[in-house]
Amino acid sequence: MNIIHSSDVPTHNPGCDLKVYTIEASDSIHSKYQELSDFLFEKDTYEFFNLEEYTPHDVIQKYNYIKNLQLNVPVTIYRYYQGNYLGTINYIWKVPLRNDH
């Protein structure tokens, strides 16, 4: 453990433990996503924030909440698994509507 703590090389590779993806806007959303959807609607495009204040505290519920996310605006989600007890960092930001829709 001392070798890991004193090393200049990270133990986790962000390229392997990182996930970035876009979720398109939905016309019909579940009520549990309405508060987050309203909040994002008022945000500027590309203004990111930590998704933690809108997700459940239980790890499995949080995973399912993010996995099934439905919003009335398109968003990009940045998820980084830090490993061990640190959990996953989840950032989200509104992106512009695509021209082909």
Protein backbone atom coordinates (compact mmCIF):
# COMPACT_ATOMS: atom_id res chain seq x y z
CA MET A 1 0.00 0.00 0.00
CA ASN A 2 2.89 2.39 0.74
CA ILE A 3 4.24 1.81 -2.76
CA ILE A 4 0.86 2.72 -4.27
CA HIS A 5 0.58 5.88 -2.14
CA SER A 6 4.07 7.10 -3.03
CA SER A 7 3.80 6.24 -6.73
CA ASP A 8 3.40 8.91 -9.42
CA VAL A 9 1.41 6.47 -11.54
CA PRO A 10 -2.34 6.29 -10.83
CA THR A 11 -3.72 2.89 -9.85
CA HIS A 12 -6.82 3.44 -12.00
CA ASN A 13 -6.64 4.23 -15.68
CA PRO A 14 -9.22 6.92 -16.52
CA GLY A 15 -9.49 5.47 -20.02
CA CYS A 16 -10.79 2.19 -18.60
CA ASP A 17 -12.80 3.51 -15.65
CA LEU A 18 -14.46 6.42 -17.44
CA LYS A 19 -17.76 6.50 -19.28
CA VAL A 20 -19.12 9.51 -21.21
CA TYR A 21 -22.37 9.28 -23.14
CA THR A 22 -25.28 11.40 -24.33
CA ILE A 23 -28.96 10.85 -23.55
CA GLU A 24 -31.41 12.41 -25.99
CA ALA A 25 -34.45 14.37 -24.82
CA SER A 26 -37.64 12.43 -24.18
CA ASP A 27 -41.22 13.61 -24.68
CA SER A 28 -42.52 11.51 -21.81
CA ILE A 29 -40.56 11.22 -18.56
CA HIS A 30 -41.17 9.39 -15.28
CA SER A 31 -42.17 11.65 -12.36
CA LYS A 32 -39.03 10.74 -10.38
CA TYR A 33 -36.97 12.59 -13.03
CA GLN A 34 -39.18 15.70 -13.21
CA GLU A 35 -37.28 17.77 -10.63
CA LEU A 36 -33.92 17.09 -12.30
CA SER A 37 -35.42 17.71 -15.72
CA ASP A 38 -36.83 21.09 -14.63
CA PHE A 39 -33.49 22.02 -13.06
CA LEU A 40 -31.56 21.17 -16.25
CA PHE A 41 -34.07 23.02 -18.42
CA GLU A 42 -33.12 26.25 -16.62
CA LYS A 43 -29.36 25.59 -16.86
CA ASP A 44 -27.12 26.98 -19.57
CA THR A 45 -25.84 24.60 -22.22
CA TYR A 46 -22.59 22.87 -21.16
CA GLU A 47 -22.90 24.08 -17.56
CA PHE A 48 -21.98 20.95 -15.62
CA PHE A 49 -22.85 19.97 -12.07
CA ASN A 50 -22.50 17.01 -9.77
CA LEU A 51 -25.47 14.68 -10.17
CA GLU A 52 -25.23 13.43 -6.56
CA GLU A 53 -27.82 15.81 -5.12
CA TYR A 54 -30.51 14.29 -7.36
CA THR A 55 -29.59 10.60 -7.06
CA PRO A 56 -30.62 8.17 -4.31
CA HIS A 57 -27.99 7.38 -1.67
CA ASP A 58 -28.31 3.62 -2.07
CA VAL A 59 -25.72 2.45 -4.61
CA ILE A 60 -28.04 0.10 -6.51
CA GLN A 61 -30.88 2.64 -6.63
CA LYS A 62 -28.41 5.30 -7.81
CA TYR A 63 -27.14 3.01 -10.58
CA ASN A 64 -30.70 2.27 -11.76
CA TYR A 65 -31.68 5.95 -11.54
CA ILE A 66 -28.82 6.95 -13.85
CA LYS A 67 -29.21 3.92 -16.11
CA ASN A 68 -32.91 4.70 -16.77
CA LEU A 69 -32.57 8.49 -16.90
CA GLN A 70 -35.34 10.29 -18.79
CA LEU A 71 -35.21 14.06 -19.26
CA ASN A 72 -36.93 16.66 -21.40
CA VAL A 73 -33.54 18.05 -22.52
CA PRO A 74 -30.58 16.23 -24.08
CA VAL A 75 -27.65 15.74 -21.69
CA THR A 76 -24.17 14.29 -21.56
CA ILE A 77 -23.16 12.23 -18.55
CA TYR A 78 -19.60 11.80 -17.32
CA ARG A 79 -19.11 8.82 -14.98
CA TYR A 80 -15.76 7.97 -13.43
CA TYR A 81 -15.36 4.93 -11.21
CA GLN A 82 -12.74 5.84 -8.59
CA GLY A 83 -12.52 2.36 -7.15
CA ASN A 84 -12.81 0.80 -3.73
CA TYR A 85 -14.98 2.72 -1.25
CA LEU A 86 -14.80 6.03 -3.16
CA GLY A 87 -17.58 5.13 -5.56
CA THR A 88 -18.39 6.76 -8.88
CA ILE A 89 -18.30 10.46 -9.75
CA ASN A 90 -21.29 11.50 -11.87
CA TYR A 91 -21.40 14.82 -13.70
CA ILE A 92 -24.12 15.92 -16.09
CA TRP A 93 -24.66 18.87 -18.40
CA LYS A 94 -27.28 19.99 -20.90
CA VAL A 95 -26.28 19.87 -24.57
CA PRO A 96 -27.96 21.54 -27.57
CA LEU A 97 -30.72 19.78 -29.45
CA ARG A 98 -29.43 17.95 -32.52
CA ASN A 99 -30.36 19.47 -35.88
CA ASP A 100 -31.47 16.13 -37.31
CA HIS A 101 -34.35 15.81 -34.81
